[in-house]
Amino acid sequence: WWAARAQRRVQMAWLMRSASAILRQAQGRLPELEQRLDGFAKRLCELASQRAPIDELLVVGHSSGAMLAVSVVARALARAPALGQPGSPLAMLTLGECIPVLSYQPEAVAFRDELARLRAATDLVWVDVTAPPDGCCFALIDPTAVCEDGLSPSSRAASAGPKRVSPRFAQCFDPQRWRAIRRDKYRCHFQYLMAVELAGGYDYFAISAGSRRLTDRCP
């Protein structure tokens, strides 16, 4: 009874599969995934080096996909450091991230190195969108802070990590509809990728497919 109720309320089976995959990733036991991440990073560099000007190369990662976005962009920067400099078309958008689930695994040394590379690329456009009602994310917390664990306050960077914002989903729906969405924890976690009812606020489709770049939307 408990398992069936947990599955209905929070999709427990999905959560456990995700946790298992993240643990194997931290231990370096997903070689096929590593190959795909390298391939994505290579593709980013190829696109950036094309002669035809590119307005924006936007890398988007949702939930556990935010971890993959970190790895792809970090590996692209290792191949082509100019991608992290002013004027680069590269930008990264992470949604509902749960990066600390991986970054705080003791074995995840390589992933923490990738986070450190992004943290050091202070000109990289990186916006992290998380909603406090979303129980599957680390809301409004710097996902790169693990890189400075144990350092004295004077040794920490004054400004680092992504720009952190809330989508303010409550302003995107009428009150009754938002209450229903907030009770559905699975839906709440995936709302970042879904349409909203009221214009003027967070809009994933406008961000990912609209005419304005991420840096213009979130200066």
N, C-alpha and C. Protein backbone atom coordinates (compact mmCIF):
# COMPACT_ATOMS: atom_id res chain seq x y z
N TRP A 1 0.83 -1.21 0.00
CA TRP A 1 0.00 0.00 0.00
C TRP A 1 0.86 1.25 0.00
N TRP A 2 1.92 1.26 0.87
CA TRP A 2 2.78 2.44 0.95
C TRP A 2 3.48 2.69 -0.38
N ALA A 3 4.00 1.63 -1.02
CA ALA A 3 4.71 1.78 -2.28
C ALA A 3 3.78 2.32 -3.37
N ALA A 4 2.54 1.79 -3.41
CA ALA A 4 1.60 2.26 -4.43
C ALA A 4 1.24 3.72 -4.20
N ARG A 5 1.08 4.11 -2.95
CA ARG A 5 0.75 5.50 -2.64
C ARG A 5 1.92 6.43 -2.98
N ALA A 6 3.15 6.00 -2.67
CA ALA A 6 4.33 6.81 -2.99
C ALA A 6 4.49 6.95 -4.50
N GLN A 7 4.18 5.88 -5.22
CA GLN A 7 4.29 5.95 -6.68
C GLN A 7 3.30 6.95 -7.26
N ARG A 8 2.08 6.94 -6.73
CA ARG A 8 1.06 7.86 -7.23
C ARG A 8 1.40 9.30 -6.91
N ARG A 9 1.93 9.56 -5.73
CA ARG A 9 2.14 10.93 -5.27
C ARG A 9 3.44 11.55 -5.80
N VAL A 10 4.52 10.79 -5.78
CA VAL A 10 5.83 11.38 -6.13
C VAL A 10 6.59 10.56 -7.17
N GLN A 11 5.92 9.59 -7.83
CA GLN A 11 6.59 8.80 -8.86
C GLN A 11 7.87 8.16 -8.30
N MET A 12 7.73 7.39 -7.22
CA MET A 12 8.87 6.83 -6.52
C MET A 12 9.75 5.97 -7.42
N ALA A 13 9.14 5.18 -8.32
CA ALA A 13 9.94 4.32 -9.19
C ALA A 13 10.85 5.15 -10.08
N TRP A 14 10.31 6.25 -10.60
CA TRP A 14 11.12 7.14 -11.43
C TRP A 14 12.27 7.74 -10.63
N LEU A 15 12.00 8.16 -9.40
CA LEU A 15 13.03 8.76 -8.56
C LEU A 15 14.14 7.76 -8.25
N MET A 16 13.78 6.52 -7.97
CA MET A 16 14.78 5.50 -7.63
C MET A 16 15.63 5.14 -8.85
N ARG A 17 15.03 5.07 -10.03
CA ARG A 17 15.81 4.80 -11.24
C ARG A 17 16.79 5.94 -11.50
N SER A 18 16.33 7.16 -11.30
CA SER A 18 17.19 8.31 -11.50
C SER A 18 18.36 8.30 -10.51
N ALA A 19 18.07 8.02 -9.25
CA ALA A 19 19.12 7.98 -8.23
C ALA A 19 20.15 6.90 -8.54
N SER A 20 19.68 5.76 -9.02
CA SER A 20 20.60 4.67 -9.36
C SER A 20 21.53 5.07 -10.50
N ALA A 21 20.97 5.74 -11.52
CA ALA A 21 21.79 6.17 -12.65
C ALA A 21 22.82 7.22 -12.23
N ILE A 22 22.41 8.14 -11.36
CA ILE A 22 23.34 9.19 -10.90
C ILE A 22 24.49 8.57 -10.11
N LEU A 23 24.20 7.56 -9.30
CA LEU A 23 25.26 6.90 -8.53
C LEU A 23 26.25 6.22 -9.47
N ARG A 24 25.76 5.55 -10.50
CA ARG A 24 26.66 4.89 -11.46
C ARG A 24 27.46 5.94 -12.23
N GLN A 25 26.83 7.08 -12.52
CA GLN A 25 27.55 8.15 -13.21
C GLN A 25 28.70 8.66 -12.35
N ALA A 26 28.45 8.86 -11.06
CA ALA A 26 29.49 9.34 -10.15
C ALA A 26 30.66 8.37 -10.09
N GLN A 27 30.37 7.08 -10.19
CA GLN A 27 31.40 6.04 -10.09
C GLN A 27 32.07 5.75 -11.43
N GLY A 28 31.68 6.46 -12.48
CA GLY A 28 32.27 6.25 -13.79
C GLY A 28 31.85 4.95 -14.44
N ARG A 29 30.65 4.50 -14.15
CA ARG A 29 30.18 3.21 -14.65
C ARG A 29 29.17 3.37 -15.79
N LEU A 30 29.18 4.51 -16.45
CA LEU A 30 28.30 4.73 -17.60
C LEU A 30 29.14 5.20 -18.80
N PRO A 31 29.98 4.33 -19.35
CA PRO A 31 30.86 4.73 -20.44
C PRO A 31 30.11 5.21 -21.68
N GLU A 32 28.95 4.62 -21.96
CA GLU A 32 28.19 5.07 -23.13
C GLU A 32 27.73 6.51 -22.96
N LEU A 33 27.33 6.87 -21.73
CA LEU A 33 26.93 8.26 -21.46
C LEU A 33 28.11 9.20 -21.65
N GLU A 34 29.28 8.82 -21.17
CA GLU A 34 30.46 9.67 -21.31
C GLU A 34 30.79 9.91 -22.79
N GLN A 35 30.62 8.89 -23.60
CA GLN A 35 30.87 9.05 -25.03
C GLN A 35 29.88 10.02 -25.66
N ARG A 36 28.63 9.94 -25.24
CA ARG A 36 27.63 10.85 -25.80
C ARG A 36 27.90 12.29 -25.36
N LEU A 37 28.32 12.48 -24.11
CA LEU A 37 28.63 13.82 -23.64
C LEU A 37 29.81 14.41 -24.42
N ASP A 38 30.81 13.59 -24.68
CA ASP A 38 31.94 14.05 -25.48
C ASP A 38 31.48 14.43 -26.89
N GLY A 39 30.56 13.63 -27.43
CA GLY A 39 30.05 13.92 -28.77
C GLY A 39 29.28 15.23 -28.82
N PHE A 40 28.47 15.48 -27.79
CA PHE A 40 27.73 16.74 -27.74
C PHE A 40 28.70 17.93 -27.62
N ALA A 41 29.74 17.78 -26.80
CA ALA A 41 30.72 18.86 -26.63
C ALA A 41 31.42 19.14 -27.95
N LYS A 42 31.80 18.09 -28.67
CA LYS A 42 32.44 18.25 -29.97
C LYS A 42 31.51 18.96 -30.95
N ARG A 43 30.23 18.60 -30.91
CA ARG A 43 29.26 19.23 -31.81
C ARG A 43 29.10 20.72 -31.51
N LEU A 44 29.10 21.08 -30.23
CA LEU A 44 29.02 22.49 -29.87
C LEU A 44 30.20 23.27 -30.46
N CYS A 45 31.38 22.70 -30.33
CA CYS A 45 32.57 23.38 -30.85
C CYS A 45 32.50 23.51 -32.38
N GLU A 46 31.98 22.48 -33.04
CA GLU A 46 31.85 22.54 -34.49
C GLU A 46 30.87 23.64 -34.91
N LEU A 47 29.76 23.74 -34.21
CA LEU A 47 28.79 24.78 -34.53
C LEU A 47 29.37 26.17 -34.32
N ALA A 48 30.10 26.32 -33.21
CA ALA A 48 30.67 27.64 -32.90
C ALA A 48 31.74 28.06 -33.90
N SER A 49 32.37 27.09 -34.56
CA SER A 49 33.46 27.41 -35.49
C SER A 49 32.98 27.59 -36.92
N GLN A 50 31.70 27.48 -37.16
CA GLN A 50 31.19 27.67 -38.51
C GLN A 50 31.41 29.11 -38.98
N ARG A 51 31.57 29.28 -40.27
CA ARG A 51 31.81 30.62 -40.81
C ARG A 51 30.57 31.50 -40.68
N ALA A 52 29.40 30.90 -40.92
CA ALA A 52 28.16 31.68 -40.81
C ALA A 52 27.95 32.07 -39.35
N PRO A 53 27.67 33.34 -39.08
CA PRO A 53 27.50 33.77 -37.68
C PRO A 53 26.28 33.10 -37.03
N ILE A 54 26.44 32.73 -35.79
CA ILE A 54 25.37 32.11 -35.01
C ILE A 54 24.96 33.09 -33.91
N ASP A 55 23.69 33.36 -33.83
CA ASP A 55 23.20 34.31 -32.84
C ASP A 55 23.33 33.75 -31.43
N GLU A 56 23.00 32.48 -31.27
CA GLU A 56 23.06 31.88 -29.93
C GLU A 56 23.14 30.37 -30.03
N LEU A 57 24.00 29.79 -29.22
CA LEU A 57 24.06 28.35 -29.00
C LEU A 57 23.56 28.10 -27.58
N LEU A 58 22.32 27.69 -27.44
CA LEU A 58 21.70 27.55 -26.13
C LEU A 58 21.65 26.09 -25.73
N VAL A 59 22.33 25.75 -24.65
CA VAL A 59 22.31 24.40 -24.09
C VAL A 59 21.33 24.40 -22.93
N VAL A 60 20.33 23.53 -23.00
CA VAL A 60 19.28 23.47 -21.98
C VAL A 60 19.31 22.11 -21.30
N GLY A 61 19.29 22.10 -19.98
CA GLY A 61 19.22 20.86 -19.23
C GLY A 61 18.19 20.97 -18.13
N HIS A 62 17.31 19.97 -18.04
CA HIS A 62 16.27 19.97 -17.02
C HIS A 62 16.50 18.81 -16.05
N SER A 63 16.34 19.09 -14.75
CA SER A 63 16.44 18.05 -13.72
C SER A 63 17.82 17.38 -13.79
N SER A 64 17.87 16.06 -13.94
CA SER A 64 19.16 15.38 -14.06
C SER A 64 19.88 15.81 -15.33
N GLY A 65 19.13 16.27 -16.31
CA GLY A 65 19.74 16.77 -17.53
C GLY A 65 20.60 18.00 -17.30
N ALA A 66 20.38 18.71 -16.19
CA ALA A 66 21.23 19.85 -15.87
C ALA A 66 22.66 19.39 -15.61
N MET A 67 22.81 18.20 -15.02
CA MET A 67 24.14 17.64 -14.79
C MET A 67 24.83 17.37 -16.13
N LEU A 68 24.06 16.85 -17.09
CA LEU A 68 24.62 16.55 -18.40
C LEU A 68 24.99 17.85 -19.12
N ALA A 69 24.17 18.89 -18.96
CA ALA A 69 24.49 20.18 -19.58
C ALA A 69 25.80 20.72 -19.02
N VAL A 70 26.01 20.58 -17.72
CA VAL A 70 27.27 21.02 -17.11
C VAL A 70 28.45 20.32 -17.77
N SER A 71 28.35 19.01 -17.91
CA SER A 71 29.46 18.25 -18.48
C SER A 71 29.70 18.63 -19.94
N VAL A 72 28.64 18.77 -20.71
CA VAL A 72 28.78 19.12 -22.13
C VAL A 72 29.46 20.48 -22.28
N VAL A 73 28.98 21.48 -21.56
CA VAL A 73 29.54 22.82 -21.70
C VAL A 73 30.97 22.88 -21.17
N ALA A 74 31.23 22.21 -20.05
CA ALA A 74 32.59 22.21 -19.49
C ALA A 74 33.57 21.56 -20.46
N ARG A 75 33.16 20.48 -21.09
CA ARG A 75 34.05 19.80 -22.04
C ARG A 75 34.23 20.63 -23.31
N ALA A 76 33.18 21.34 -23.70
CA ALA A 76 33.32 22.24 -24.85
C ALA A 76 34.30 23.36 -24.54
N LEU A 77 34.25 23.90 -23.32
CA LEU A 77 35.18 24.97 -22.93
C LEU A 77 36.61 24.45 -22.88
N ALA A 78 36.77 23.19 -22.47
CA ALA A 78 38.11 22.61 -22.44
C ALA A 78 38.68 22.50 -23.86
N ARG A 79 37.82 22.21 -24.84
CA ARG A 79 38.25 22.12 -26.23
C ARG A 79 38.46 23.50 -26.84
N ALA A 80 37.57 24.44 -26.51
CA ALA A 80 37.59 25.77 -27.12
C ALA A 80 37.35 26.82 -26.04
N PRO A 81 38.38 27.24 -25.31
CA PRO A 81 38.21 28.21 -24.21
C PRO A 81 37.53 29.50 -24.64
N ALA A 82 37.63 29.88 -25.91
CA ALA A 82 37.01 31.12 -26.36
C ALA A 82 35.50 31.10 -26.22
N LEU A 83 34.90 29.92 -26.10
CA LEU A 83 33.45 29.83 -25.94
C LEU A 83 32.99 30.44 -24.61
N GLY A 84 33.88 30.56 -23.66
CA GLY A 84 33.53 31.14 -22.37
C GLY A 84 33.91 32.60 -22.23
N GLN A 85 34.29 33.24 -23.33
CA GLN A 85 34.73 34.62 -23.29
C GLN A 85 33.63 35.56 -23.79
N PRO A 86 33.74 36.86 -23.51
CA PRO A 86 32.73 37.81 -23.99
C PRO A 86 32.55 37.75 -25.50
N GLY A 87 31.31 37.85 -25.93
CA GLY A 87 31.02 37.79 -27.35
C GLY A 87 30.74 36.40 -27.87
N SER A 88 30.92 35.38 -27.02
CA SER A 88 30.65 34.01 -27.44
C SER A 88 29.15 33.80 -27.61
N PRO A 89 28.72 32.98 -28.59
CA PRO A 89 27.29 32.70 -28.74
C PRO A 89 26.77 31.67 -27.75
N LEU A 90 27.67 31.05 -26.98
CA LEU A 90 27.27 29.97 -26.09
C LEU A 90 26.55 30.49 -24.85
N ALA A 91 25.45 29.83 -24.50
CA ALA A 91 24.72 30.14 -23.27
C ALA A 91 24.14 28.84 -22.72
N MET A 92 23.92 28.80 -21.43
CA MET A 92 23.40 27.58 -20.79
C MET A 92 22.22 27.93 -19.89
N LEU A 93 21.19 27.11 -19.99
CA LEU A 93 19.99 27.27 -19.18
C LEU A 93 19.73 25.97 -18.46
N THR A 94 19.74 26.00 -17.12
CA THR A 94 19.41 24.81 -16.34
C THR A 94 18.09 25.05 -15.62
N LEU A 95 17.25 24.02 -15.62
CA LEU A 95 15.88 24.12 -15.11
C LEU A 95 15.64 23.02 -14.08
N GLY A 96 15.15 23.41 -12.90
CA GLY A 96 14.83 22.42 -11.87
C GLY A 96 16.00 21.52 -11.55
N GLU A 97 17.19 22.11 -11.45
CA GLU A 97 18.40 21.29 -11.32
C GLU A 97 18.49 20.58 -9.98
N CYS A 98 19.10 19.39 -10.03
CA CYS A 98 19.39 18.63 -8.81
C CYS A 98 20.87 18.25 -8.82
N ILE A 99 21.70 19.17 -9.28
CA ILE A 99 23.13 18.94 -9.45
C ILE A 99 23.82 18.45 -8.17
N PRO A 100 23.49 18.97 -6.97
CA PRO A 100 24.18 18.48 -5.77
C PRO A 100 24.02 16.99 -5.51
N VAL A 101 22.98 16.36 -6.05
CA VAL A 101 22.82 14.92 -5.87
C VAL A 101 24.02 14.19 -6.45
N LEU A 102 24.58 14.72 -7.55
CA LEU A 102 25.79 14.13 -8.14
C LEU A 102 27.05 14.76 -7.58
N SER A 103 27.09 16.08 -7.47
CA SER A 103 28.34 16.76 -7.13
C SER A 103 28.85 16.42 -5.74
N TYR A 104 27.95 16.04 -4.82
CA TYR A 104 28.37 15.70 -3.46
C TYR A 104 28.61 14.21 -3.27
N GLN A 105 28.54 13.42 -4.34
CA GLN A 105 28.96 12.03 -4.25
C GLN A 105 30.49 12.00 -4.13
N PRO A 106 31.04 11.27 -3.16
CA PRO A 106 32.50 11.28 -2.99
C PRO A 106 33.28 10.91 -4.25
N GLU A 107 32.71 10.01 -5.06
CA GLU A 107 33.44 9.55 -6.24
C GLU A 107 33.37 10.52 -7.42
N ALA A 108 32.53 11.53 -7.33
CA ALA A 108 32.28 12.41 -8.49
C ALA A 108 33.35 13.49 -8.64
N VAL A 109 34.61 13.12 -8.60
CA VAL A 109 35.70 14.08 -8.68
C VAL A 109 35.73 14.76 -10.05
N ALA A 110 35.57 13.98 -11.10
CA ALA A 110 35.61 14.54 -12.45
C ALA A 110 34.47 15.53 -12.67
N PHE A 111 33.30 15.23 -12.12
CA PHE A 111 32.18 16.15 -12.30
C PHE A 111 32.42 17.44 -11.53
N ARG A 112 32.99 17.36 -10.34
CA ARG A 112 33.30 18.59 -9.60
C ARG A 112 34.34 19.43 -10.34
N ASP A 113 35.26 18.78 -11.02
CA ASP A 113 36.22 19.53 -11.83
C ASP A 113 35.50 20.28 -12.96
N GLU A 114 34.48 19.66 -13.54
CA GLU A 114 33.72 20.32 -14.60
C GLU A 114 32.94 21.51 -14.05
N LEU A 115 32.37 21.35 -12.87
CA LEU A 115 31.69 22.48 -12.23
C LEU A 115 32.68 23.61 -11.96
N ALA A 116 33.86 23.27 -11.52
CA ALA A 116 34.88 24.29 -11.24
C ALA A 116 35.26 25.04 -12.52
N ARG A 117 35.31 24.33 -13.65
CA ARG A 117 35.64 24.99 -14.91
C ARG A 117 34.56 26.01 -15.28
N LEU A 118 33.30 25.65 -15.06
CA LEU A 118 32.22 26.60 -15.35
C LEU A 118 32.25 27.75 -14.36
N ARG A 119 32.54 27.47 -13.11
CA ARG A 119 32.59 28.53 -12.10
C ARG A 119 33.68 29.54 -12.42
N ALA A 120 34.77 29.05 -13.01
CA ALA A 120 35.89 29.94 -13.35
C ALA A 120 35.60 30.74 -14.62
N ALA A 121 34.66 30.27 -15.44
CA ALA A 121 34.33 30.99 -16.68
C ALA A 121 33.30 32.06 -16.37
N THR A 122 33.75 33.15 -15.77
CA THR A 122 32.83 34.17 -15.26
C THR A 122 32.08 34.91 -16.35
N ASP A 123 32.53 34.81 -17.60
CA ASP A 123 31.83 35.48 -18.70
C ASP A 123 30.82 34.55 -19.39
N LEU A 124 30.76 33.31 -18.98
CA LEU A 124 29.78 32.38 -19.55
C LEU A 124 28.38 32.79 -19.12
N VAL A 125 27.46 32.84 -20.06
CA VAL A 125 26.06 33.14 -19.75
C VAL A 125 25.41 31.85 -19.27
N TRP A 126 25.09 31.78 -17.99
CA TRP A 126 24.47 30.60 -17.40
C TRP A 126 23.35 31.08 -16.48
N VAL A 127 22.14 30.71 -16.79
CA VAL A 127 20.98 31.05 -15.97
C VAL A 127 20.39 29.77 -15.40
N ASP A 128 20.20 29.75 -14.10
CA ASP A 128 19.66 28.58 -13.40
C ASP A 128 18.28 28.93 -12.85
N VAL A 129 17.25 28.25 -13.35
CA VAL A 129 15.86 28.53 -12.97
C VAL A 129 15.36 27.41 -12.08
N THR A 130 14.98 27.75 -10.86
CA THR A 130 14.45 26.75 -9.92
C THR A 130 13.28 27.36 -9.14
N ALA A 131 12.30 26.52 -8.84
CA ALA A 131 11.10 26.97 -8.14
C ALA A 131 11.04 26.36 -6.74
N PRO A 132 10.94 27.17 -5.69
CA PRO A 132 10.85 26.62 -4.33
C PRO A 132 9.75 25.57 -4.14
N PRO A 133 8.58 25.67 -4.80
CA PRO A 133 7.58 24.61 -4.62
C PRO A 133 7.96 23.27 -5.24
N ASP A 134 8.99 23.26 -6.06
CA ASP A 134 9.44 22.03 -6.71
C ASP A 134 10.31 21.25 -5.73
N GLY A 135 9.79 20.16 -5.20
CA GLY A 135 10.51 19.38 -4.20
C GLY A 135 11.63 18.53 -4.76
N CYS A 136 11.79 18.47 -6.08
CA CYS A 136 12.83 17.65 -6.70
C CYS A 136 14.02 18.47 -7.15
N CYS A 137 14.08 19.73 -6.79
CA CYS A 137 15.22 20.56 -7.19
C CYS A 137 15.85 21.20 -5.96
N PHE A 138 17.01 21.81 -6.15
CA PHE A 138 17.68 22.58 -5.10
C PHE A 138 17.45 24.05 -5.42
N ALA A 139 16.36 24.57 -4.91
CA ALA A 139 15.87 25.88 -5.33
C ALA A 139 16.78 27.02 -4.88
N LEU A 140 17.18 27.84 -5.86
CA LEU A 140 17.91 29.09 -5.64
C LEU A 140 19.21 28.90 -4.88
N ILE A 141 19.80 27.74 -5.02
CA ILE A 141 21.08 27.43 -4.39
C ILE A 141 22.15 27.36 -5.47
N ASP A 142 23.31 27.94 -5.23
CA ASP A 142 24.39 27.92 -6.21
C ASP A 142 24.87 26.48 -6.43
N PRO A 143 24.67 25.90 -7.60
CA PRO A 143 25.08 24.51 -7.82
C PRO A 143 26.59 24.32 -7.91
N THR A 144 27.35 25.41 -7.99
CA THR A 144 28.80 25.28 -8.06
C THR A 144 29.46 25.51 -6.71
N ALA A 145 28.68 25.75 -5.67
CA ALA A 145 29.25 26.07 -4.36
C ALA A 145 30.11 24.94 -3.81
N VAL A 146 29.85 23.70 -4.23
CA VAL A 146 30.63 22.56 -3.76
C VAL A 146 32.11 22.74 -4.08
N CYS A 147 32.42 23.53 -5.11
CA CYS A 147 33.81 23.73 -5.51
C CYS A 147 34.61 24.49 -4.46
N GLU A 148 33.94 25.19 -3.56
CA GLU A 148 34.65 25.98 -2.56
C GLU A 148 34.38 25.48 -1.14
N ASP A 149 33.83 24.28 -1.03
CA ASP A 149 33.62 23.70 0.30
C ASP A 149 34.96 23.58 1.03
N GLY A 150 34.96 23.99 2.26
CA GLY A 150 36.16 23.90 3.08
C GLY A 150 37.06 25.11 3.01
N LEU A 151 36.81 26.03 2.08
CA LEU A 151 37.62 27.24 1.99
C LEU A 151 37.14 28.28 2.98
N SER A 152 38.04 29.12 3.41
CA SER A 152 37.67 30.21 4.30
C SER A 152 36.85 31.23 3.54
N PRO A 153 36.02 32.01 4.23
CA PRO A 153 35.23 33.04 3.53
C PRO A 153 36.08 33.99 2.71
N SER A 154 37.27 34.31 3.17
CA SER A 154 38.12 35.24 2.43
C SER A 154 38.67 34.63 1.14
N SER A 155 38.68 33.31 1.07
CA SER A 155 39.21 32.64 -0.11
C SER A 155 38.15 32.36 -1.17
N ARG A 156 36.88 32.58 -0.81
CA ARG A 156 35.81 32.29 -1.76
C ARG A 156 35.69 33.41 -2.77
N ALA A 157 35.24 33.05 -3.97
CA ALA A 157 35.07 34.03 -5.03
C ALA A 157 33.93 34.97 -4.68
N ALA A 158 34.13 36.25 -4.98
CA ALA A 158 33.10 37.24 -4.66
C ALA A 158 31.87 37.05 -5.53
N SER A 159 32.06 36.67 -6.77
CA SER A 159 30.95 36.49 -7.69
C SER A 159 31.24 35.30 -8.59
N ALA A 160 30.45 34.25 -8.47
CA ALA A 160 30.68 33.06 -9.26
C ALA A 160 29.39 32.27 -9.35
N GLY A 161 29.42 31.28 -10.21
CA GLY A 161 28.23 30.46 -10.39
C GLY A 161 27.21 31.12 -11.29
N PRO A 162 26.11 30.42 -11.56
CA PRO A 162 25.11 30.94 -12.50
C PRO A 162 24.24 32.03 -11.88
N LYS A 163 23.56 32.76 -12.74
CA LYS A 163 22.53 33.69 -12.27
C LYS A 163 21.32 32.84 -11.89
N ARG A 164 20.84 32.98 -10.66
CA ARG A 164 19.78 32.12 -10.14
C ARG A 164 18.47 32.91 -10.05
N VAL A 165 17.43 32.38 -10.67
CA VAL A 165 16.13 33.05 -10.69
C VAL A 165 15.02 32.03 -10.43
N SER A 166 13.90 32.53 -9.98
CA SER A 166 12.70 31.70 -9.80
C SER A 166 11.74 31.96 -10.96
N PRO A 167 11.08 30.91 -11.47
CA PRO A 167 10.11 31.12 -12.55
C PRO A 167 8.81 31.75 -12.06
N ARG A 168 8.60 31.75 -10.75
CA ARG A 168 7.38 32.32 -10.16
C ARG A 168 6.13 31.76 -10.84
N PHE A 169 6.03 30.45 -10.78
CA PHE A 169 4.91 29.78 -11.44
C PHE A 169 3.55 30.27 -10.95
N ALA A 170 3.48 30.71 -9.71
CA ALA A 170 2.19 31.17 -9.17
C ALA A 170 1.62 32.34 -9.96
N GLN A 171 2.50 33.09 -10.62
CA GLN A 171 2.05 34.23 -11.42
C GLN A 171 1.71 33.83 -12.86
N CYS A 172 1.92 32.55 -13.19
CA CYS A 172 1.69 32.08 -14.56
C CYS A 172 0.34 31.39 -14.73
N PHE A 173 -0.41 31.24 -13.60
CA PHE A 173 -1.70 30.55 -13.65
C PHE A 173 -2.69 31.27 -12.74
N ASP A 174 -3.96 31.01 -12.98
CA ASP A 174 -4.93 31.53 -12.02
C ASP A 174 -4.79 30.74 -10.73
N PRO A 175 -5.17 31.30 -9.58
CA PRO A 175 -4.90 30.68 -8.27
C PRO A 175 -5.40 29.24 -8.15
N GLN A 176 -6.58 28.95 -8.64
CA GLN A 176 -7.12 27.60 -8.51
C GLN A 176 -6.29 26.58 -9.30
N ARG A 177 -5.92 26.96 -10.52
CA ARG A 177 -5.11 26.06 -11.33
C ARG A 177 -3.74 25.85 -10.72
N TRP A 178 -3.14 26.90 -10.18
CA TRP A 178 -1.82 26.76 -9.58
C TRP A 178 -1.87 25.86 -8.35
N ARG A 179 -2.92 25.94 -7.56
CA ARG A 179 -3.02 25.07 -6.38
C ARG A 179 -3.03 23.60 -6.81
N ALA A 180 -3.73 23.30 -7.90
CA ALA A 180 -3.78 21.92 -8.38
C ALA A 180 -2.40 21.46 -8.86
N ILE A 181 -1.70 22.35 -9.59
CA ILE A 181 -0.36 21.99 -10.07
C ILE A 181 0.60 21.81 -8.91
N ARG A 182 0.51 22.66 -7.92
CA ARG A 182 1.44 22.58 -6.79
C ARG A 182 1.25 21.29 -5.99
N ARG A 183 0.04 20.77 -5.93
CA ARG A 183 -0.20 19.52 -5.22
C ARG A 183 0.37 18.32 -5.97
N ASP A 184 0.50 18.45 -7.28
CA ASP A 184 1.03 17.36 -8.10
C ASP A 184 2.54 17.56 -8.23
N LYS A 185 3.32 16.91 -7.38
CA LYS A 185 4.75 17.15 -7.33
C LYS A 185 5.46 16.76 -8.62
N TYR A 186 4.98 15.72 -9.28
CA TYR A 186 5.58 15.31 -10.55
C TYR A 186 5.36 16.39 -11.60
N ARG A 187 4.14 16.89 -11.69
CA ARG A 187 3.82 17.96 -12.65
C ARG A 187 4.60 19.23 -12.30
N CYS A 188 4.70 19.53 -11.04
CA CYS A 188 5.40 20.74 -10.61
C CYS A 188 6.86 20.71 -11.07
N HIS A 189 7.47 19.52 -11.03
CA HIS A 189 8.87 19.40 -11.43
C HIS A 189 9.05 19.54 -12.93
N PHE A 190 8.02 19.21 -13.70
CA PHE A 190 8.14 19.29 -15.16
C PHE A 190 7.49 20.54 -15.73
N GLN A 191 6.95 21.40 -14.87
CA GLN A 191 6.29 22.61 -15.36
C GLN A 191 7.26 23.53 -16.10
N TYR A 192 8.54 23.46 -15.78
CA TYR A 192 9.53 24.29 -16.45
C TYR A 192 9.47 24.12 -17.97
N LEU A 193 9.10 22.92 -18.42
CA LEU A 193 9.12 22.58 -19.84
C LEU A 193 7.74 22.67 -20.48
N MET A 194 6.77 23.13 -19.74
CA MET A 194 5.39 23.12 -20.21
C MET A 194 4.86 24.54 -20.38
N ALA A 195 3.76 24.63 -21.12
CA ALA A 195 3.15 25.93 -21.37
C ALA A 195 2.51 26.49 -20.11
N VAL A 196 2.40 27.81 -20.06
CA VAL A 196 1.72 28.49 -18.95
C VAL A 196 0.44 29.13 -19.49
N GLU A 197 -0.40 29.60 -18.57
CA GLU A 197 -1.69 30.17 -18.97
C GLU A 197 -1.65 31.69 -19.12
N LEU A 198 -0.85 32.36 -18.29
CA LEU A 198 -0.84 33.81 -18.27
C LEU A 198 0.48 34.33 -18.85
N ALA A 199 0.38 35.24 -19.78
CA ALA A 199 1.58 35.80 -20.42
C ALA A 199 2.25 36.83 -19.53
N GLY A 200 3.52 37.09 -19.85
CA GLY A 200 4.24 38.15 -19.16
C GLY A 200 5.28 37.66 -18.18
N GLY A 201 5.27 36.36 -17.88
CA GLY A 201 6.24 35.81 -16.94
C GLY A 201 7.12 34.77 -17.60
N TYR A 202 7.46 33.74 -16.85
CA TYR A 202 8.30 32.67 -17.36
C TYR A 202 7.59 31.97 -18.52
N ASP A 203 8.33 31.72 -19.60
CA ASP A 203 7.78 31.07 -20.77
C ASP A 203 8.91 30.28 -21.44
N TYR A 204 8.93 28.97 -21.23
CA TYR A 204 10.02 28.15 -21.74
C TYR A 204 10.13 28.23 -23.25
N PHE A 205 9.01 28.24 -23.94
CA PHE A 205 9.04 28.21 -25.40
C PHE A 205 9.56 29.54 -25.97
N ALA A 206 9.23 30.63 -25.32
CA ALA A 206 9.77 31.92 -25.75
C ALA A 206 11.29 31.98 -25.50
N ILE A 207 11.73 31.41 -24.39
CA ILE A 207 13.16 31.43 -24.07
C ILE A 207 13.94 30.56 -25.04
N SER A 208 13.45 29.36 -25.31
CA SER A 208 14.22 28.40 -26.10
C SER A 208 14.04 28.58 -27.60
N ALA A 209 12.94 29.19 -28.03
CA ALA A 209 12.69 29.31 -29.47
C ALA A 209 12.31 30.72 -29.90
N GLY A 210 12.39 31.68 -28.99
CA GLY A 210 12.02 33.05 -29.33
C GLY A 210 13.15 33.81 -29.99
N SER A 211 12.92 35.08 -30.25
CA SER A 211 13.89 35.90 -30.98
C SER A 211 14.93 36.56 -30.08
N ARG A 212 14.73 36.52 -28.76
CA ARG A 212 15.67 37.18 -27.85
C ARG A 212 16.62 36.15 -27.24
N ARG A 213 17.87 36.53 -27.12
CA ARG A 213 18.87 35.65 -26.53
C ARG A 213 18.67 35.58 -25.01
N LEU A 214 19.22 34.53 -24.42
CA LEU A 214 19.10 34.36 -22.98
C LEU A 214 19.74 35.51 -22.23
N THR A 215 20.86 35.99 -22.72
CA THR A 215 21.55 37.09 -22.04
C THR A 215 20.74 38.38 -22.07
N ASP A 216 19.87 38.53 -23.08
CA ASP A 216 19.01 39.71 -23.16
C ASP A 216 17.80 39.57 -22.25
N ARG A 217 17.34 38.33 -22.06
CA ARG A 217 16.19 38.09 -21.19
C ARG A 217 16.57 38.18 -19.72
N CYS A 218 17.78 37.73 -19.40
CA CYS A 218 18.24 37.71 -18.01
C CYS A 218 19.59 38.39 -17.92
N PRO A 219 19.65 39.72 -18.06
CA PRO A 219 20.92 40.43 -18.07
C PRO A 219 21.61 40.36 -16.71
